[in-house]
Amino acid sequence: MATLIGGIAASHTPTIGFALDRDKRADPVWAPIFEAFAPLRAWMETHRPDVLLFVYNDHVTSFFFDHYSAFTLGIGTQWAVADEGGGARALPPIAGDAAFAEHLGQCLMADEFDMAFFQDKPLDHGCFSPLSMMCPRNDDGWAVRLVPLQVGVLQFPIPTARRCFRLGQALRRAIESYPQDLRVAVVATGGLSHQVHGERAGFNNPAWDARFLDLIEQDPEHLAQMTHAEYAALGGMEGAEVIMWLIMRGALSAQVRCTHRSYYLPSMTGIATAIYENQSAPPPAREAQRRAEQRQAQLHGAEALAGSYPFTLGRSVRGLRLNRFLHQLVAPDFRARFLADEEAEFERGGLSATERDLVRRRDWRGLIHHGAIFFMLEKLGAATGVSNLHIYAAMRGESLEAFQQTRNAPGALYSVAGQAAGTLNWDAAPAVKPAAD
């Protein structure tokens, strides 16, 4: 079973990464930052977590306001460093843990948290600034895996402090019900007091920062009932992001032991670090079993539906490259290039030999088995002049004529093709092209 070995809190101001990258360790202005993170690094080296569940917020780098979610869990296999405008930092990508992330996602949804999920997005200073200071690296890269949890705290309305605390409690249940041996630490980032916009830019409140550090350890319930306006008044509008610390705190036991705490205010943001360790016993085995049953309840029995393949988070991760390739068919330029020279686009898209063969032959059933979602097949059909009915029939292993006889309107053929599709020569469309010799 997975073990939650502790919680870490750290500010994520860009000055942290700046100090590390430019080797400011000996500079008295910057030295306190290194001193603050040294105990975190030592804790990591001593306790050796397998995975960090990393709570952060993106700074409109990989996430934009065309689609902005409250809680977004990263389910990918690797996380690269984002370019925030002046080039990416010289840090290697860090491995994800897709199986653990899938488990967390299933548990949180079963606990009625309406999560969003992301893959293949680079992580900005909200994650890599503290991570680079606290995590050891070796010749093979990072010595730990990472599952990011991005919290939308920039565009109001944002999650309440209470909701963050409850999410942390749900995460603890999810972590402790994971059936594999795994050592997990929850890391929360952000703050402390600061404001970076408007006439109030430069606001700080060290007294509130100290009070907040007391409360997050001793009385998180007090923090959970505070409003965003109260956080902003005490710690600055951007400083309200410290509600993310409540996710980490909610994941821990009611009573914790604080083994490290530091605070430094060099410029715009109060930089704090802290380590908390649980003071409670692990849950009984029957509780983990009950959680597993709850997690599996919604799809229990679906495995008996022959010819059905729920598009789970695991299938999404495995099929990402293929689905992304097919999704590009919604772009006219890509569609034109694909229709002109499929092989060149296969190469440019990095498709595997199996994926190329499946797309090349329009093996609709094989594409589904491989991890494509049907709605990518629909786009491929529209782009290449194949109707939805041809695809349905091929997936069933039937001729178009045989499948049409099972419909109430046997003569109806259709697709999502729009006005640029031209003449649809569906009578000549084969269900599946033969395999090459």
Foldseek 3Di string as FASTA:
>chain_A
DEDAFWEKEWALDVVLVVCVLVVCCVPPLCVVSLVQQVVLQVCCVVVVFQEEAEEFAAPCFQDHPVDFDAKEKEQAQWAAETDPDPDGDPAGIATADNVLSLLLVLQVVLVVDPYHYDYDTHGYSRGCSSCVSRFDADPVHTSHHYMYMHGRQPDPPHDALLVLLVLLLSSLLSRLLPPDYGYYYYYFYHFAAFECDDPCHQDAAVVVVVVVVVCLQQPSVVVRPDGLVVRCVRRNNRNSSCSNSSSNSSSADNHWDKPDWDWDDSTGTIIIITIIGHDDDRDDPVSSVVSVCSSCVVCVPVVVPPLDDDQGSVLCNQCVLLQVLLVCLVPVVSLVVCVVPVVVSCVVSVPDPVSSQCLVFVQLLVSVVSRHDVVSSLSSCLSVQEWPLLSVQSNVVHHSQVSLVVDPRSVDTHGPHDPVSPDRPHVPDHSTHDGDD
